[in-house]
Amino acid sequence: MSPKLRLRVLFSRILRYFFQGLLILAPIGITAFTLYWGFITIDNLLPKDVVPVDHPLNFLRYKGVGFAIVLILVVFVGYLSSSFIVGRLIDMFDHILERTPFIKYIYSSVKDVFDAFVGEKKKFDHPVLVNVYGDDVWEMGFITQDDVRALGLEGYFAVYVPHAYAITGKVFMVRKEKVRPLTNVSAGEAMKFAVSGGVTHITELPAVVQEANKTNH
């Protein structure tokens, strides 16, 4: 083998090893960076610079203390909201914010998004295949409203279709016969499949869960 050909083979091998290493380290690095960014953002919600170094509360200046305090505060507020009196006060405050000009648009929009993901009225838990652009073209989506008669559309669903590799998406008003419920796939699996551009593997739900989903739909 000539030195030139040997150098080319060596370069090709190094390049292959580089991409193999990138495939291993990139997901780990991006995940670690995202977690670190979230940790630092939450930790910095507590103003630490206002506490003097020689103050008895100077322990608040340490990394992680603000993160722990914010988590404890969130859990504590959640615990208080479960009581009848505090729950009514929170509902009253919620009602005021939803009636305040300008603020109501920001507050209600953010509240609805959080409710859709983690609230009691979860919206992204009904994965479907939706026929939008053509008879033989199906997209992965989620039913967010099963009645849109307020928009003058009888027999339509509101279906949210997420974009691949993004946190954005589109809402389509689609006739019910153009929506096919996915009873054999969990909402999480469907979301991963849609957001990843279809490269992730879909794991089917057990038969018992599939039957339960058919009943719920």
Protein backbone atom coordinates (compact mmCIF):
# COMPACT_ATOMS: atom_id res chain seq x y z
CA MET A 1 0.00 0.00 0.00
CA SER A 2 1.39 3.38 -1.02
CA PRO A 3 1.96 6.07 1.64
CA LYS A 4 -0.68 8.27 0.00
CA LEU A 5 -3.30 5.51 0.05
CA ARG A 6 -2.33 4.59 3.61
CA LEU A 7 -2.79 8.21 4.69
CA ARG A 8 -6.21 8.33 3.01
CA VAL A 9 -7.31 5.14 4.80
CA LEU A 10 -6.05 6.53 8.12
CA PHE A 11 -7.91 9.80 7.58
CA SER A 12 -11.10 7.94 6.66
CA ARG A 13 -10.85 5.81 9.80
CA ILE A 14 -10.25 8.86 12.02
CA LEU A 15 -13.24 10.59 10.44
CA ARG A 16 -15.42 7.52 11.09
CA TYR A 17 -14.29 7.37 14.72
CA PHE A 18 -14.99 11.10 15.07
CA PHE A 19 -18.61 10.74 13.94
CA GLN A 20 -19.07 7.65 16.12
CA GLY A 21 -17.82 9.62 19.11
CA LEU A 22 -20.05 12.53 18.15
CA LEU A 23 -23.10 10.26 18.06
CA ILE A 24 -22.29 9.11 21.59
CA LEU A 25 -21.24 12.40 23.18
CA ALA A 26 -23.60 14.90 21.49
CA PRO A 27 -26.86 13.60 23.08
CA ILE A 28 -25.11 13.30 26.46
CA GLY A 29 -23.61 16.79 26.17
CA ILE A 30 -26.84 18.46 25.03
CA THR A 31 -28.82 16.73 27.79
CA ALA A 32 -26.25 17.73 30.41
CA PHE A 33 -26.16 21.32 29.16
CA THR A 34 -29.98 21.57 29.20
CA LEU A 35 -30.14 20.24 32.77
CA TYR A 36 -27.32 22.58 33.84
CA TRP A 37 -29.02 25.57 32.19
CA GLY A 38 -32.31 24.74 33.92
CA PHE A 39 -30.55 24.29 37.27
CA ILE A 40 -28.66 27.61 37.01
CA THR A 41 -31.75 29.50 35.83
CA ILE A 42 -33.86 28.26 38.74
CA ASP A 43 -31.01 28.67 41.22
CA ASN A 44 -30.51 32.31 40.20
CA LEU A 45 -34.18 33.15 40.84
CA LEU A 46 -33.10 33.72 44.44
CA PRO A 47 -31.22 37.07 44.67
CA LYS A 48 -27.99 36.06 46.39
CA ASP A 49 -26.01 39.27 46.01
CA VAL A 50 -28.27 41.09 48.48
CA VAL A 51 -27.05 38.82 51.30
CA PRO A 52 -23.76 40.09 52.84
CA VAL A 53 -20.93 37.59 53.22
CA ASP A 54 -20.85 38.01 57.02
CA HIS A 55 -24.64 37.67 57.37
CA PRO A 56 -26.09 34.61 59.20
CA LEU A 57 -27.99 33.78 55.99
CA ASN A 58 -24.83 33.79 53.88
CA PHE A 59 -25.43 30.09 53.15
CA LEU A 60 -28.00 31.31 50.61
CA ARG A 61 -25.07 32.34 48.42
CA TYR A 62 -24.02 28.74 47.83
CA LYS A 63 -24.84 27.03 44.55
CA GLY A 64 -27.90 24.83 44.71
CA VAL A 65 -29.52 26.48 47.74
CA GLY A 66 -31.71 28.70 45.56
CA PHE A 67 -32.69 25.69 43.43
CA ALA A 68 -33.72 23.72 46.54
CA ILE A 69 -35.67 26.67 47.99
CA VAL A 70 -37.60 27.21 44.73
CA LEU A 71 -38.51 23.51 44.55
CA ILE A 72 -39.63 23.50 48.19
CA LEU A 73 -41.67 26.67 47.58
CA VAL A 74 -43.40 25.09 44.55
CA VAL A 75 -44.24 21.94 46.53
CA PHE A 76 -45.45 24.05 49.48
CA VAL A 77 -47.74 26.16 47.25
CA GLY A 78 -49.10 22.97 45.70
CA TYR A 79 -49.76 21.58 49.17
CA LEU A 80 -51.53 24.77 50.31
CA SER A 81 -53.66 24.87 47.17
CA SER A 82 -55.14 21.48 48.11
CA SER A 83 -56.81 22.99 51.16
CA PHE A 84 -60.31 24.38 50.71
CA ILE A 85 -59.73 27.95 51.96
CA VAL A 86 -56.40 28.56 50.20
CA GLY A 87 -57.76 26.87 47.08
CA ARG A 88 -60.67 29.32 46.99
CA LEU A 89 -58.28 32.27 47.45
CA ILE A 90 -56.10 31.02 44.58
CA ASP A 91 -59.20 30.59 42.41
CA MET A 92 -60.25 34.15 43.25
CA PHE A 93 -56.79 35.49 42.36
CA ASP A 94 -56.87 33.41 39.18
CA HIS A 95 -60.26 34.90 38.30
CA ILE A 96 -58.94 38.44 38.82
CA LEU A 97 -55.93 37.84 36.56
CA GLU A 98 -58.13 36.34 33.84
CA ARG A 99 -60.30 39.47 33.90
CA THR A 100 -57.51 42.08 33.99
CA PRO A 101 -57.01 43.82 30.61
CA PHE A 102 -53.83 42.85 28.72
CA ILE A 103 -52.58 40.67 31.60
CA LYS A 104 -55.37 38.16 30.95
CA TYR A 105 -53.99 37.34 27.48
CA ILE A 106 -50.52 36.52 28.81
CA TYR A 107 -51.71 34.78 31.97
CA SER A 108 -54.45 32.65 30.39
CA SER A 109 -52.20 31.59 27.50
CA VAL A 110 -49.36 30.49 29.79
CA LYS A 111 -51.80 28.81 32.19
CA ASP A 112 -53.47 26.86 29.37
CA VAL A 113 -50.09 25.64 28.07
CA PHE A 114 -49.06 24.37 31.51
CA ASP A 115 -52.48 22.80 32.04
CA ALA A 116 -52.13 21.03 28.70
CA PHE A 117 -48.87 19.37 29.77
CA VAL A 118 -49.06 18.82 33.54
CA GLY A 119 -52.50 19.92 34.69
CA GLU A 120 -55.58 17.86 35.39
CA LYS A 121 -56.96 18.77 31.95
CA LYS A 122 -54.09 17.37 29.91
CA LYS A 123 -54.50 18.02 26.21
CA PHE A 124 -51.62 16.09 24.67
CA ASP A 125 -52.76 12.65 25.79
CA HIS A 126 -54.80 11.67 22.69
CA PRO A 127 -52.31 10.85 19.91
CA VAL A 128 -53.80 10.51 16.44
CA LEU A 129 -52.89 10.24 12.78
CA VAL A 130 -54.46 13.15 10.92
CA ASN A 131 -55.05 13.44 7.20
CA VAL A 132 -54.42 17.07 6.24
CA TYR A 133 -52.63 17.60 2.93
CA GLY A 134 -53.61 14.55 0.90
CA ASP A 135 -55.58 11.33 1.02
CA ASP A 136 -52.42 9.23 1.39
CA VAL A 137 -50.48 11.61 3.66
CA TRP A 138 -50.83 11.26 7.43
CA GLU A 139 -49.26 13.36 10.18
CA MET A 140 -48.77 12.62 13.86
CA GLY A 141 -50.84 14.91 16.06
CA PHE A 142 -52.89 15.30 19.23
CA ILE A 143 -56.57 16.11 19.65
CA THR A 144 -56.81 19.29 21.74
CA GLN A 145 -60.53 19.99 21.23
CA ASP A 146 -63.16 17.48 20.17
CA ASP A 147 -65.83 20.14 19.67
CA VAL A 148 -65.17 23.36 17.74
CA ARG A 149 -68.75 24.37 17.01
CA ALA A 150 -67.91 27.78 18.51
CA LEU A 151 -65.88 28.37 15.33
CA GLY A 152 -68.83 27.43 13.16
CA LEU A 153 -67.45 23.98 12.37
CA GLU A 154 -69.71 21.02 13.00
CA GLY A 155 -68.13 17.55 13.12
CA TYR A 156 -64.54 18.82 13.33
CA PHE A 157 -61.61 18.20 15.71
CA ALA A 158 -58.89 20.66 16.65
CA VAL A 159 -55.66 18.73 16.12
CA TYR A 160 -52.23 20.00 17.14
CA VAL A 161 -49.40 18.80 14.89
CA PRO A 162 -45.90 19.40 16.37
CA HIS A 163 -42.98 20.34 14.14
CA ALA A 164 -39.91 18.11 13.99
CA TYR A 165 -36.84 19.28 15.93
CA ALA A 166 -38.72 22.30 17.31
CA ILE A 167 -41.05 23.33 20.12
CA THR A 168 -43.53 24.82 17.67
CA GLY A 169 -46.45 23.32 15.80
CA LYS A 170 -49.72 24.00 13.99
CA VAL A 171 -53.38 23.60 14.88
CA PHE A 172 -55.63 22.19 12.17
CA MET A 173 -59.42 22.02 12.13
CA VAL A 174 -60.04 18.61 10.59
CA ARG A 175 -63.18 16.58 9.92
CA LYS A 176 -63.58 13.70 12.35
CA GLU A 177 -63.39 11.10 9.58
CA LYS A 178 -59.90 12.36 8.70
CA VAL A 179 -58.61 11.61 12.22
CA ARG A 180 -57.44 8.13 13.19
CA PRO A 181 -56.89 7.60 16.97
CA LEU A 182 -53.68 5.81 17.97
CA THR A 183 -54.70 3.42 20.74
CA ASN A 184 -51.56 1.29 20.53
CA VAL A 185 -49.08 4.15 21.15
CA SER A 186 -48.61 6.25 24.27
CA ALA A 187 -48.75 10.05 24.10
CA GLY A 188 -45.06 10.27 25.05
CA GLU A 189 -44.00 7.84 22.31
CA ALA A 190 -46.10 9.73 19.75
CA MET A 191 -44.61 13.09 20.77
CA LYS A 192 -41.04 11.71 20.57
CA PHE A 193 -41.74 10.25 17.14
CA ALA A 194 -43.17 13.53 15.82
CA VAL A 195 -40.55 15.84 17.30
CA SER A 196 -37.63 13.62 16.25
CA GLY A 197 -38.78 13.64 12.65
CA GLY A 198 -39.80 9.99 12.80
CA VAL A 199 -36.35 8.59 13.61
CA THR A 200 -37.20 7.21 17.06
CA HIS A 201 -38.55 3.70 17.45
CA ILE A 202 -42.18 3.40 18.55
CA THR A 203 -42.94 0.87 21.28
CA GLU A 204 -46.47 -0.47 21.24
CA LEU A 205 -48.52 -0.46 24.43
CA PRO A 206 -49.59 -3.75 26.06
CA ALA A 207 -52.87 -5.20 24.79
CA VAL A 208 -54.68 -4.38 28.06
CA VAL A 209 -53.74 -0.69 27.80
CA GLN A 210 -54.74 -0.64 24.13
CA GLU A 211 -58.22 -1.92 25.00
CA ALA A 212 -58.54 0.73 27.72
CA ASN A 213 -57.52 3.45 25.27
CA LYS A 214 -60.12 2.26 22.75
CA THR A 215 -62.76 2.53 25.45
CA ASN A 216 -61.66 6.06 26.43
CA HIS A 217 -61.68 7.23 22.81
